[in-house]
Amino acid sequence: MSVLLSGLQGARQTLEDNRRLIEDPRMSRSLLLGLLVLSGLPRDGSEIGVIDLAHNLGLGASTTYRYVATLLSVGLLERDPSTRRYRLAR
């Protein structure tokens, strides 16, 4: 996980910044959006809600939620049950 995140450190942080890559037919749109969502999570262990994450990235809330739910299900994210906010898995 730390190798992946270190590779994302220089990643462009919004959908608009990545529009050209996302629209390139040679690229996987879903993978790029998933990586964008992953790169938008705080690296300091703090938590963020889906709405704030979506806003920061320039994505829709439902789209962001689907990616977050997927990343959570494969163990890359953790969810605090009391706050319903997400953080990178430790």
Protein backbone atom coordinates (compact mmCIF):
# COMPACT_ATOMS: atom_id res chain seq x y z
CA MET A 1 0.00 0.00 0.00
CA SER A 2 2.77 2.46 0.87
CA VAL A 3 4.43 1.83 -2.51
CA LEU A 4 1.15 2.54 -4.29
CA LEU A 5 0.58 5.73 -2.31
CA SER A 6 4.12 6.94 -2.87
CA GLY A 7 3.54 6.51 -6.59
CA LEU A 8 0.37 8.59 -6.32
CA GLN A 9 2.02 11.48 -4.46
CA GLY A 10 2.62 13.41 -7.66
CA ALA A 11 -0.76 12.47 -9.13
CA ARG A 12 -3.03 15.21 -10.32
CA GLN A 13 -5.73 15.59 -7.72
CA THR A 14 -9.00 16.33 -9.53
CA LEU A 15 -11.14 14.88 -12.26
CA GLU A 16 -10.53 17.98 -14.36
CA ASP A 17 -6.76 17.58 -14.00
CA ASN A 18 -7.10 14.02 -15.29
CA ARG A 19 -9.74 14.58 -17.98
CA ARG A 20 -7.38 13.93 -20.90
CA LEU A 21 -6.21 10.61 -19.45
CA ILE A 22 -9.74 9.52 -18.53
CA GLU A 23 -11.03 10.25 -22.03
CA ASP A 24 -8.13 8.46 -23.74
CA PRO A 25 -9.60 5.23 -25.20
CA ARG A 26 -6.34 3.38 -24.45
CA MET A 27 -6.79 3.97 -20.71
CA SER A 28 -9.03 2.21 -18.19
CA ARG A 29 -11.44 4.89 -16.98
CA SER A 30 -12.50 2.86 -13.95
CA LEU A 31 -8.94 2.20 -12.84
CA LEU A 32 -8.00 5.86 -13.24
CA LEU A 33 -11.03 7.01 -11.25
CA GLY A 34 -10.33 4.45 -8.52
CA LEU A 35 -6.74 5.66 -8.27
CA LEU A 36 -7.97 9.26 -8.20
CA VAL A 37 -10.27 8.44 -5.28
CA LEU A 38 -7.47 6.60 -3.49
CA SER A 39 -5.11 9.53 -4.01
CA GLY A 40 -7.72 11.91 -2.57
CA LEU A 41 -7.72 10.31 0.87
CA PRO A 42 -5.60 11.95 3.59
CA ARG A 43 -2.22 10.27 3.94
CA ASP A 44 -1.84 11.30 7.58
CA GLY A 45 -4.35 8.73 8.86
CA SER A 46 -7.16 11.22 9.29
CA GLU A 47 -10.65 10.54 7.98
CA ILE A 48 -12.79 12.11 5.29
CA GLY A 49 -16.43 11.76 4.35
CA VAL A 50 -17.64 10.79 0.90
CA ILE A 51 -19.22 14.20 0.19
CA ASP A 52 -16.02 16.07 1.06
CA LEU A 53 -13.92 13.61 -0.93
CA ALA A 54 -16.22 13.91 -3.94
CA HIS A 55 -16.13 17.70 -3.76
CA ASN A 56 -12.33 17.78 -3.48
CA LEU A 57 -11.96 15.52 -6.52
CA GLY A 58 -14.69 17.05 -8.67
CA LEU A 59 -16.67 13.79 -8.80
CA GLY A 60 -20.31 13.04 -8.06
CA ALA A 61 -21.12 11.75 -4.59
CA SER A 62 -22.68 8.48 -5.80
CA THR A 63 -19.73 7.75 -8.08
CA THR A 64 -17.30 8.47 -5.25
CA TYR A 65 -19.31 6.27 -2.89
CA ARG A 66 -19.13 3.30 -5.30
CA TYR A 67 -15.36 3.61 -5.56
CA VAL A 68 -14.99 4.04 -1.80
CA ALA A 69 -17.21 0.99 -1.18
CA THR A 70 -15.07 -1.06 -3.56
CA LEU A 71 -11.80 0.10 -1.98
CA LEU A 72 -13.27 -0.67 1.46
CA SER A 73 -14.34 -4.17 0.41
CA VAL A 74 -10.82 -5.06 -0.76
CA GLY A 75 -9.21 -3.72 2.41
CA LEU A 76 -7.56 -0.56 1.07
CA LEU A 77 -9.80 1.69 3.19
CA GLU A 78 -11.24 1.57 6.69
CA ARG A 79 -14.53 3.09 7.86
CA ASP A 80 -15.17 4.47 11.31
CA PRO A 81 -18.63 3.12 12.20
CA SER A 82 -19.46 6.03 14.50
CA THR A 83 -18.52 8.86 12.12
CA ARG A 84 -19.09 6.99 8.82
CA ARG A 85 -15.89 8.56 7.52
CA TYR A 86 -13.06 6.80 5.70
CA ARG A 87 -9.29 6.57 5.99
CA LEU A 88 -6.53 4.63 4.33
CA ALA A 89 -6.13 1.15 5.79
CA ARG A 90 -3.32 0.81 8.30
